[in-house]
Each structure stands twice: as structure tokens, then as C-alpha cells.
Amino acid sequence: MTTPRVYATVTGPTATFTTPDGHTEPLEVAPDEDIRQVIVARTAEEARRNGEPVELVTAGDRGNHRLLITTTGDITQAPDAETYAPPATPEQNAPAETLRRSITITVPDDTPASEDVGREQAPGRTSFITPHTGPSTATTGWRGVLASLGITVKPSPAEVARRDREQVVSRQWAGCRTIAVVNGKGGVGKTMTTAMLAAVYARYGGGNVLAWDNNDTRGTLGWRTEQGLYDTTVRDLLPAAPNLLAPTAGVSDISRFVHHQTTDRYDVLRSNPELLATDQRIEHTEFDLLMQVAARYYRLVIFDSGNDESAERWLRMIDSSYQLVIPTLAAPEPAESASLLLDALRRRDERSAQLAANAVVVVTNPEPTQRAEVDRIVDGFTGQVGAVATIPFDPALKSGPLRFDALHPKTRDAWGTVAAYTASHL
């Protein structure tokens, strides 16, 4: 059975409406009305007259759309509408396989207790300025399509959660913050995690993010990211550090020593994977000098660490970090390595123990059929650290260039959740 269809051509505050039997009539609105609301109401009349939903085809200044209007005026998708996405279920909207345990992301308030110091205000006076709380209508999915038509639709819970995450990861701090991505076992996703977190923070926070390959033994961050204009590494930056810290240094002087990611907007400080570890060891004094440079030019630094947990640069990295992210695969050996690292940090000193308590463990599924093993490892870490998150299988993460846009939307949402929790504890 064919669904009755009506047409509406919108031209500013008026529209031409065509009924299912071909009758054409003009629609106009009062000054306080919206033409699109009037169109929906008129279509609902046709639906009640026909005793069934009616398909509404609109054209005009906001594009062409196909909607299904019920007898009560409810709006749903039109069947097979190419320009209209079906409403996603909560499972589809939520980041697949993200945080295993429920967490509340809070944004610490760096504002002084009294913002009005030195500002006189009459007692009882009410400010006419209201704080901006972000969009109150939907912007994505089928709700976003309706909003683009001028029909107010509240965002879904998943979209609200996504906006909250974006607000947290776009936050700017007073001073440089540092995150260490650590696990003593190789091949567990440290480089991938570093690049994905850097991309999230740089995209939403406006750049000024550095991914630092703090690795003695063939760090691969440079292999999986774009090379900039110069073939430079951390060894080239060290002798130039005093000049970069000089009062006369310009903000762009650092560009010669880092590699900018054109789409994801962060910079990479490379190690040299062609050299043996003995040729590129960095002592703690050299690390401190490099850290001064990084703090001078960047608001956020993410360390892609090596596997030698006894190296001076590794230990100094821990001492310089505000937060730890510990990646592991859904396999016993890398998970055990992560657990042993947490044990060692708890014994090391009070500050390291606090880092372990707030750490984020990220369990990556390297294959699409390891759900049971993922659950087992997540359960083992739950309660030991600040949060346990999972990243779904995504072929774009397995090899080749690491680019955020190449990921499946569910994977991007999962990394956004990891980044938000991490940022909320910086």
C-alpha cells in the first residue's frame, strides 16, 4: 500500500502546500509562528483525514527532506529517505565498548573563590548576562535534521554525553599538563593511544598539543605519523634548547624540531628508530631541559614511553606527569605487564601511588571476536584504577598512518571518552 504524500515548498515565511489529491494551497504564518510548524500541523490534518501517517516532502532554503507525519503530529523518518538517517538506538548512539564502569566526569574549577574581587555591585542586583551552556537543540542524527528545518528537538542523551566530553577535552589549563602512556611490554598500543589522545585534545582544544616519543629503543611514533618540513628528532632539539628558551625566541621557532599533523592538529617530537638505544639515551638533566622547552611552547604534552622502566628518561617522565594512561591488549601477557606496573608504582612513592590510583587502563580489542577475553581483563582491573575503558576493533588502528578521521564513529566516541576522563584528572 502506498503512503499518501504531501509536498511543501518553503519560501521564507510562506509555503505552497500540495495535498495527496493534487490540491495546492498557500500557507502563511502570524508574526509569532514558524512556517515549518504550520506545515507539520497541516500535514497532520491530512493524516487524520486519511486515517494513516502521511509522507511530507519539503523543499526550500533549508534543503530537501522527507518526513513521516502521524495523525497526532509526531515526526518520524520517511521510509528509504536518502537524506534522512533513521533514529539510532541507545546502543548505537553510545560509544561501543567504552567505559566498563560508570563514571561521572567533572571539570575542576580553577576560578578563584571570589570572581568579583575589586568589583562593586549593588546588593541584590541581578546580572543581565546569563552563562552560555551550549546548544539546547540537537545537531546530529535525525534530530539534527529536524532542527535544521526549524523544528526544535532536544538532543538525545548520547549527544548530550558527547557534548559533555567535548567540553572537558577542550579545556585550557593555566600551565602545561602532561600525560604518560605507559606499559613495560611492547606492542600493546602505546603509540596508537598517544596519537589518538593527542588528536582528540588538539582537535577540540585548538592545538598546542605535543606527542613526545620518549623512547630509547626504536620508538615508532614517527613512522605512524606525518613528517614535517624537517627530518629532525629529539637529538636535534637538545642542543637547540637554550636558544628556544631565550627571551628572544619566537613561538614558531619550535616548528623546525617537531612534525605537525595537518588534520589532527598536534605536533610530534620524534625519536630516531634507526639508532641503537646506546646512541640516544637521555639523562634526567637532559629530559628536564627538554621538558622546559615543551612547557614553553605547548599546553599539553603526551609521552609515548619506551619499554625500559629503569631508564632515567622513563622515571623522569613519571615524575613529570599529571596522569597515566595504561594501554593493554585483550590478552593475558600485556594485561599482566600493566598490572605489575601498577604494583610497582604503588610501592615506589606516594606520588606514584596516586598516579596509579587515578590511572586509566585502556583495553584494546585487536580482533573482532575476543569479547569474553576483553570482559575478563576489564573485570580484573575494575576497582584498581580510576577507570577502565575498552576500544572496539577497528582496522584503521592495526597498522599504517594513525588518523582520527579514519576511525569508525564508535571508535572515535570511545577515544573521546578515554580522553575526557583523563583530562578531568589533570
Protein backbone atom coordinates (compact mmCIF):
# COMPACT_ATOMS: atom_id res chain seq x y z
CA MET A 1 0.00 0.00 0.00
CA THR A 2 1.36 3.41 -0.99
CA THR A 3 1.73 6.01 1.75
CA PRO A 4 -0.15 9.26 0.99
CA ARG A 5 2.27 12.06 0.19
CA VAL A 6 2.09 15.84 0.52
CA TYR A 7 4.53 18.47 -0.69
CA ALA A 8 5.61 21.77 0.80
CA THR A 9 7.82 24.35 -0.89
CA VAL A 10 9.11 26.87 1.65
CA THR A 11 9.87 30.42 0.59
CA GLY A 12 10.76 32.46 3.65
CA PRO A 13 7.71 32.95 5.91
CA THR A 14 5.30 31.36 3.42
CA ALA A 15 4.91 27.98 1.76
CA THR A 16 2.97 26.28 -1.01
CA PHE A 17 1.27 23.10 0.21
CA THR A 18 0.08 20.31 -2.10
CA THR A 19 -2.32 17.68 -0.75
CA PRO A 20 -2.33 13.97 -1.75
CA ASP A 21 -5.12 14.60 -4.29
CA GLY A 22 -3.12 17.38 -6.01
CA HIS A 23 -4.86 20.38 -4.50
CA THR A 24 -2.48 23.33 -3.97
CA GLU A 25 -2.92 25.96 -1.28
CA PRO A 26 -0.76 28.74 0.20
CA LEU A 27 0.30 28.64 3.84
CA GLU A 28 1.08 31.80 5.75
CA VAL A 29 2.02 32.42 9.37
CA ALA A 30 1.38 35.02 12.02
CA PRO A 31 4.38 37.04 13.27
CA ASP A 32 4.84 34.73 16.28
CA GLU A 33 4.54 31.46 14.30
CA ASP A 34 7.08 29.33 12.42
CA ILE A 35 6.19 28.23 8.88
CA ARG A 36 7.65 24.78 9.45
CA GLN A 37 5.46 24.16 12.48
CA VAL A 38 2.46 25.20 10.39
CA ILE A 39 3.46 22.75 7.65
CA VAL A 40 3.69 19.89 10.14
CA ALA A 41 0.30 20.79 11.63
CA ARG A 42 -1.29 20.95 8.15
CA THR A 43 0.23 17.58 7.25
CA ALA A 44 -1.15 16.07 10.47
CA GLU A 45 -4.63 17.22 9.37
CA GLU A 46 -4.16 15.27 6.13
CA ALA A 47 -3.01 12.25 8.14
CA ARG A 48 -6.14 12.38 10.29
CA ARG A 49 -8.32 12.77 7.19
CA ASN A 50 -6.68 9.70 5.61
CA GLY A 51 -6.56 7.77 8.89
CA GLU A 52 -2.86 6.96 8.49
CA PRO A 53 0.58 8.65 8.52
CA VAL A 54 1.38 10.91 5.59
CA GLU A 55 4.78 11.42 3.99
CA LEU A 56 5.87 15.06 3.88
CA VAL A 57 8.34 16.12 1.17
CA THR A 58 9.78 19.58 1.77
CA ALA A 59 11.93 21.81 -0.43
CA GLY A 60 13.27 25.26 0.18
CA ASP A 61 16.01 27.30 1.77
CA ARG A 62 16.98 24.52 4.19
CA GLY A 63 17.28 21.73 1.68
CA ASN A 64 15.07 18.83 0.62
CA HIS A 65 13.72 16.44 3.24
CA ARG A 66 11.29 13.53 3.55
CA LEU A 67 9.48 13.03 6.84
CA LEU A 68 6.62 10.86 8.04
CA ILE A 69 3.90 12.75 9.97
CA THR A 70 1.43 10.76 12.10
CA THR A 71 -2.20 11.63 12.88
CA THR A 72 -1.05 13.18 16.18
CA GLY A 73 1.66 15.29 14.54
CA ASP A 74 4.57 13.10 15.63
CA ILE A 75 7.55 13.17 13.28
CA THR A 76 9.48 10.07 12.26
CA GLN A 77 11.69 9.08 9.37
CA ALA A 78 10.31 8.53 5.93
CA PRO A 79 10.96 5.05 4.57
CA ASP A 80 14.02 4.82 2.34
CA ALA A 81 14.69 8.57 2.64
CA GLU A 82 18.23 9.11 1.35
CA THR A 83 18.67 12.43 3.15
CA TYR A 84 17.23 11.23 6.42
CA ALA A 85 19.09 8.99 8.85
CA PRO A 86 16.99 6.56 10.96
CA PRO A 87 16.90 7.23 14.68
CA ALA A 88 19.77 5.41 16.34
CA THR A 89 19.11 3.10 19.24
CA PRO A 90 20.81 3.91 22.55
CA GLU A 91 23.26 1.10 21.85
CA GLN A 92 24.16 2.65 18.50
CA ASN A 93 24.44 6.16 19.93
CA ALA A 94 26.59 5.24 22.89
CA PRO A 95 30.33 4.67 22.39
CA ALA A 96 30.57 0.93 21.80
CA GLU A 97 32.53 -0.96 24.43
CA THR A 98 33.71 2.21 26.16
CA LEU A 99 33.83 2.71 29.90
CA ARG A 100 33.09 -0.53 31.63
CA ARG A 101 32.18 1.10 34.91
CA SER A 102 30.03 4.17 35.31
CA ILE A 103 31.95 7.37 35.88
CA THR A 104 30.96 10.99 36.30
CA ILE A 105 33.23 13.44 34.51
CA THR A 106 33.67 16.62 36.49
CA VAL A 107 35.56 19.68 35.37
CA PRO A 108 37.72 21.02 38.22
CA ASP A 109 37.16 24.71 38.82
CA ASP A 110 40.35 26.76 38.63
CA THR A 111 38.41 30.01 39.13
CA PRO A 112 39.22 31.83 42.38
CA ALA A 113 36.56 31.53 45.07
CA SER A 114 35.54 35.13 44.52
CA GLU A 115 35.49 36.29 40.91
CA ASP A 116 34.13 39.68 41.91
CA VAL A 117 37.11 40.84 43.97
CA GLY A 118 37.54 44.55 43.32
CA ARG A 119 34.18 44.73 41.51
CA GLU A 120 31.45 46.64 43.33
CA GLN A 121 27.87 45.58 42.82
CA ALA A 122 24.68 46.87 44.38
CA PRO A 123 23.19 44.49 46.97
CA GLY A 124 20.59 42.24 45.42
CA ARG A 125 21.37 43.32 41.88
CA THR A 126 20.74 40.60 39.28
CA SER A 127 23.14 40.27 36.38
CA PHE A 128 21.60 40.60 32.94
CA ILE A 129 24.28 38.30 31.49
CA THR A 130 23.49 34.60 31.59
CA PRO A 131 26.23 32.00 31.16
CA HIS A 132 26.41 30.17 27.86
CA THR A 133 25.56 26.50 28.32
CA GLY A 134 25.93 25.27 24.75
CA PRO A 135 23.30 24.32 22.17
CA SER A 136 19.90 23.32 23.57
CA THR A 137 18.75 21.63 20.36
CA ALA A 138 20.05 18.59 18.55
CA THR A 139 22.74 18.94 15.89
CA THR A 140 23.32 15.33 14.76
CA GLY A 141 21.27 12.36 13.53
CA TRP A 142 17.60 12.55 12.72
CA ARG A 143 17.06 15.12 15.49
CA GLY A 144 19.62 17.37 13.82
CA VAL A 145 17.73 17.12 10.53
CA LEU A 146 14.55 18.29 12.24
CA ALA A 147 16.43 21.11 13.94
CA SER A 148 17.77 22.21 10.55
CA LEU A 149 14.14 22.54 9.44
CA GLY A 150 13.47 24.89 12.34
CA ILE A 151 11.66 22.28 14.43
CA THR A 152 13.02 22.35 17.97
CA VAL A 153 14.10 18.88 19.09
CA LYS A 154 16.06 18.22 22.23
CA PRO A 155 19.37 16.37 21.77
CA SER A 156 19.45 12.69 22.62
CA PRO A 157 21.17 11.51 25.84
CA ALA A 158 24.06 10.23 23.71
CA GLU A 159 24.51 13.64 22.04
CA VAL A 160 24.38 15.39 25.43
CA ALA A 161 27.05 13.00 26.73
CA ARG A 162 29.19 13.65 23.64
CA ARG A 163 28.94 17.41 24.16
CA ASP A 164 29.95 17.00 27.81
CA ARG A 165 33.03 15.01 26.75
CA GLU A 166 33.96 17.60 24.15
CA GLN A 167 33.71 20.37 26.74
CA VAL A 168 36.09 18.50 29.05
CA VAL A 169 38.69 17.64 26.41
CA SER A 170 38.71 21.20 25.02
CA ARG A 171 39.60 22.66 28.40
CA GLN A 172 42.58 25.00 28.73
CA TRP A 173 44.77 24.85 31.84
CA ALA A 174 46.91 27.51 33.49
CA GLY A 175 50.28 25.96 32.68
CA CYS A 176 51.40 22.90 30.78
CA ARG A 177 49.90 19.49 31.66
CA THR A 178 51.48 16.09 30.95
CA ILE A 179 50.15 12.58 30.35
CA ALA A 180 52.32 9.46 30.26
CA VAL A 181 51.20 6.46 28.19
CA VAL A 182 52.96 3.50 29.79
CA ASN A 183 53.26 -0.28 29.77
CA GLY A 184 56.54 -2.16 30.04
CA LYS A 185 55.56 -4.61 27.29
CA GLY A 186 55.99 -3.65 23.66
CA GLY A 187 53.27 -3.87 21.02
CA VAL A 188 50.37 -3.15 23.36
CA GLY A 189 49.16 0.08 21.76
CA LYS A 190 51.18 2.84 23.45
CA THR A 191 51.92 4.67 20.20
CA MET A 192 48.32 4.30 18.99
CA THR A 193 46.99 5.57 22.31
CA THR A 194 49.37 8.55 22.29
CA ALA A 195 48.33 9.58 18.78
CA MET A 196 44.60 9.18 19.36
CA LEU A 197 44.60 11.14 22.62
CA ALA A 198 46.72 13.88 21.05
CA ALA A 199 44.27 14.11 18.16
CA VAL A 200 41.24 14.43 20.46
CA TYR A 201 42.82 17.14 22.62
CA ALA A 202 44.23 19.10 19.67
CA ARG A 203 41.06 18.97 17.58
CA TYR A 204 38.74 20.11 20.34
CA GLY A 205 41.16 22.28 22.30
CA GLY A 206 42.62 24.24 19.40
CA GLY A 207 46.06 22.67 19.00
CA ASN A 208 49.19 23.32 21.11
CA VAL A 209 49.47 19.61 21.89
CA LEU A 210 52.76 17.71 21.67
CA ALA A 211 53.10 13.93 21.28
CA TRP A 212 56.62 13.14 22.55
CA ASP A 213 58.29 9.85 21.65
CA ASN A 214 60.17 9.32 24.91
CA ASN A 215 61.74 6.05 23.80
CA ASP A 216 65.31 4.75 23.79
CA THR A 217 64.55 1.68 21.71
CA ARG A 218 63.16 2.27 18.23
CA GLY A 219 60.11 4.36 19.00
CA THR A 220 57.63 4.12 16.12
CA LEU A 221 55.55 7.26 16.67
CA GLY A 222 57.40 8.92 13.80
CA TRP A 223 56.68 6.00 11.50
CA ARG A 224 52.91 6.19 12.05
CA THR A 225 52.50 9.96 11.84
CA GLU A 226 53.22 12.63 9.22
CA GLN A 227 56.72 14.02 8.74
CA GLY A 228 57.02 17.79 8.79
CA LEU A 229 59.27 20.04 6.73
CA TYR A 230 62.43 18.95 8.56
CA ASP A 231 63.86 15.50 9.27
CA THR A 232 64.55 16.27 12.92
CA THR A 233 64.35 14.29 16.15
CA VAL A 234 64.76 14.82 19.87
CA ARG A 235 68.54 14.63 19.41
CA ASP A 236 68.39 17.75 17.24
CA LEU A 237 66.22 19.58 19.76
CA LEU A 238 68.59 19.07 22.70
CA PRO A 239 71.45 21.35 21.55
CA ALA A 240 68.92 23.97 20.40
CA ALA A 241 67.08 24.04 23.72
CA PRO A 242 68.93 27.07 25.22
CA ASN A 243 68.10 29.20 22.18
CA LEU A 244 64.46 28.09 22.27
CA LEU A 245 64.26 29.16 25.92
CA ALA A 246 65.82 32.55 25.30
CA PRO A 247 63.61 35.64 25.73
CA THR A 248 64.08 36.50 22.07
CA ALA A 249 62.80 33.11 20.80
CA GLY A 250 59.63 33.21 18.71
CA VAL A 251 56.68 30.88 19.07
CA SER A 252 57.28 29.40 15.60
CA ASP A 253 60.94 28.52 16.29
CA ILE A 254 59.88 25.14 17.65
CA SER A 255 58.48 24.18 14.23
CA ARG A 256 61.93 23.20 12.96
CA PHE A 257 62.15 20.38 15.51
CA VAL A 258 58.63 18.92 15.54
CA HIS A 259 56.35 17.37 12.93
CA HIS A 260 52.90 18.90 12.56
CA GLN A 261 49.87 16.69 11.84
CA THR A 262 47.87 18.67 9.32
CA THR A 263 44.41 17.25 10.03
CA ASP A 264 44.68 16.17 13.64
CA ARG A 265 46.47 19.43 14.58
CA TYR A 266 49.04 18.14 17.09
CA ASP A 267 52.85 18.09 16.82
CA VAL A 268 55.18 15.09 17.14
CA LEU A 269 58.63 15.14 18.73
CA ARG A 270 60.29 12.11 17.18
CA SER A 271 62.94 9.75 18.44
CA ASN A 272 65.25 8.09 15.91
CA PRO A 273 64.25 4.44 15.42
CA GLU A 274 67.33 3.84 13.24
CA LEU A 275 69.74 4.31 16.17
CA LEU A 276 70.57 1.83 18.89
CA ALA A 277 69.46 2.67 22.41
CA THR A 278 73.07 3.35 23.41
CA ASP A 279 73.19 6.19 20.87
CA GLN A 280 70.10 8.03 22.05
CA ARG A 281 69.90 7.68 25.81
CA ILE A 282 68.75 10.80 27.60
CA GLU A 283 69.72 11.50 31.19
CA HIS A 284 67.39 13.14 33.66
CA THR A 285 69.04 16.58 33.33
CA GLU A 286 68.59 16.46 29.55
CA PHE A 287 64.99 15.36 29.99
CA ASP A 288 64.36 18.30 32.33
CA LEU A 289 65.78 20.69 29.73
CA LEU A 290 63.54 19.24 27.02
CA MET A 291 60.57 19.48 29.37
CA GLN A 292 61.24 23.18 29.87
CA VAL A 293 61.09 23.67 26.12
CA ALA A 294 57.88 21.64 25.82
CA ALA A 295 56.23 23.61 28.61
CA ARG A 296 57.24 26.88 26.95
CA TYR A 297 55.54 26.05 23.63
CA TYR A 298 52.70 23.62 24.46
CA ARG A 299 49.71 23.47 26.79
CA LEU A 300 49.62 19.67 26.82
CA VAL A 301 52.32 17.01 26.37
CA ILE A 302 51.58 13.29 25.89
CA PHE A 303 54.52 10.92 26.32
CA ASP A 304 54.74 7.76 24.22
CA SER A 305 57.01 5.84 26.58
CA GLY A 306 59.56 3.13 25.94
CA ASN A 307 59.61 -0.34 27.46
CA ASP A 308 62.61 0.13 29.78
CA GLU A 309 61.05 1.14 33.08
CA SER A 310 64.50 1.60 34.64
CA ALA A 311 65.71 4.20 32.12
CA GLU A 312 66.36 7.68 33.51
CA ARG A 313 64.11 9.31 30.92
CA TRP A 314 61.28 6.89 31.79
CA LEU A 315 61.50 7.55 35.52
CA ARG A 316 61.77 11.30 34.99
CA MET A 317 58.72 11.13 32.76
CA ILE A 318 56.73 9.54 35.60
CA ASP A 319 57.89 12.26 38.00
CA SER A 320 56.80 14.93 35.49
CA SER A 321 53.37 13.52 34.67
CA TYR A 322 49.96 14.56 35.96
CA GLN A 323 48.13 11.48 34.70
CA LEU A 324 48.84 7.94 33.47
CA VAL A 325 47.13 6.04 30.68
CA ILE A 326 47.98 2.33 30.55
CA PRO A 327 47.09 0.54 27.30
CA THR A 328 46.85 -3.24 27.05
CA LEU A 329 45.61 -5.74 24.51
CA ALA A 330 42.88 -8.24 25.30
CA ALA A 331 45.49 -10.91 26.10
CA PRO A 332 46.99 -12.24 29.36
CA GLU A 333 50.65 -11.16 28.89
CA PRO A 334 50.15 -7.43 28.20
CA ALA A 335 47.46 -7.25 30.89
CA GLU A 336 49.82 -8.85 33.42
CA SER A 337 52.53 -6.37 32.44
CA ALA A 338 50.12 -3.49 33.10
CA SER A 339 49.15 -4.95 36.46
CA LEU A 340 52.79 -5.39 37.52
CA LEU A 341 53.50 -1.78 36.55
CA LEU A 342 50.66 -0.58 38.77
CA ASP A 343 52.02 -2.66 41.66
CA ALA A 344 55.49 -1.16 41.22
CA LEU A 345 54.13 2.40 41.15
CA ARG A 346 52.14 1.83 44.33
CA ARG A 347 55.36 0.78 46.10
CA ARG A 348 57.60 3.49 44.59
CA ASP A 349 56.44 6.61 46.45
CA GLU A 350 53.29 8.47 47.44
CA ARG A 351 53.01 10.48 44.24
CA SER A 352 53.46 7.43 42.01
CA ALA A 353 50.84 5.58 44.05
CA GLN A 354 48.41 8.44 43.44
CA LEU A 355 49.11 8.28 39.71
CA ALA A 356 48.34 4.55 39.80
CA ALA A 357 45.09 5.15 41.69
CA ASN A 358 43.86 7.67 39.08
CA ALA A 359 45.22 5.84 36.03
CA VAL A 360 43.08 4.94 33.01
CA VAL A 361 43.53 1.40 31.72
CA VAL A 362 42.60 1.09 28.04
CA VAL A 363 41.86 -2.42 26.78
CA THR A 364 42.12 -2.61 23.00
CA ASN A 365 40.46 -5.42 21.10
CA PRO A 366 42.91 -6.37 18.31
CA GLU A 367 40.40 -8.77 16.71
CA PRO A 368 36.61 -8.57 16.38
CA THR A 369 35.92 -11.88 18.20
CA GLN A 370 37.54 -11.55 21.64
CA ARG A 371 34.61 -10.28 23.71
CA ALA A 372 35.00 -12.81 26.54
CA GLU A 373 38.71 -12.07 27.00
CA VAL A 374 38.04 -8.32 26.96
CA ASP A 375 35.43 -8.72 29.71
CA ARG A 376 37.77 -10.83 31.83
CA ILE A 377 40.60 -8.30 31.66
CA VAL A 378 38.29 -5.33 32.27
CA ASP A 379 36.85 -7.03 35.33
CA GLY A 380 40.35 -7.70 36.64
CA PHE A 381 41.31 -4.00 36.55
CA THR A 382 37.99 -2.57 37.70
CA GLY A 383 38.37 -1.08 41.17
CA GLN A 384 42.18 -0.95 40.99
CA VAL A 385 42.43 2.27 38.95
CA GLY A 386 40.47 5.42 38.18
CA ALA A 387 38.71 3.95 35.15
CA VAL A 388 38.83 1.02 32.75
CA ALA A 389 37.86 1.65 29.13
CA THR A 390 37.72 -0.50 26.03
CA ILE A 391 38.35 0.38 22.39
CA PRO A 392 36.42 -1.69 19.82
CA PHE A 393 38.16 -3.46 16.99
CA ASP A 394 38.94 -1.05 14.18
CA PRO A 395 41.12 -1.99 11.19
CA ALA A 396 42.31 1.63 10.91
CA LEU A 397 44.25 1.16 14.18
CA LYS A 398 46.12 -2.01 13.26
CA SER A 399 48.81 -0.57 11.01
CA GLY A 400 49.73 2.34 8.81
CA PRO A 401 49.15 6.05 9.47
CA LEU A 402 47.22 6.94 12.61
CA ARG A 403 44.49 9.41 11.65
CA PHE A 404 41.42 10.18 13.73
CA ASP A 405 39.13 10.66 10.71
CA ALA A 406 39.92 7.14 9.50
CA LEU A 407 38.26 5.58 12.56
CA HIS A 408 34.73 4.24 12.80
CA PRO A 409 32.41 6.70 14.63
CA LYS A 410 32.06 4.25 17.53
CA THR A 411 35.83 4.13 17.89
CA ARG A 412 36.10 7.92 17.83
CA ASP A 413 33.49 8.10 20.59
CA ALA A 414 35.42 5.55 22.62
CA TRP A 415 38.65 7.56 22.39
CA GLY A 416 36.71 10.70 23.29
CA THR A 417 35.50 9.03 26.47
CA VAL A 418 39.04 7.97 27.42
CA ALA A 419 40.33 11.50 26.75
CA ALA A 420 37.56 13.09 28.81
CA TYR A 421 38.21 11.00 31.89
CA THR A 422 41.95 11.56 31.57
CA ALA A 423 41.51 15.32 31.21
CA SER A 424 39.21 15.56 34.19
CA HIS A 425 42.08 14.40 36.45
CA LEU A 426 44.81 16.66 35.07
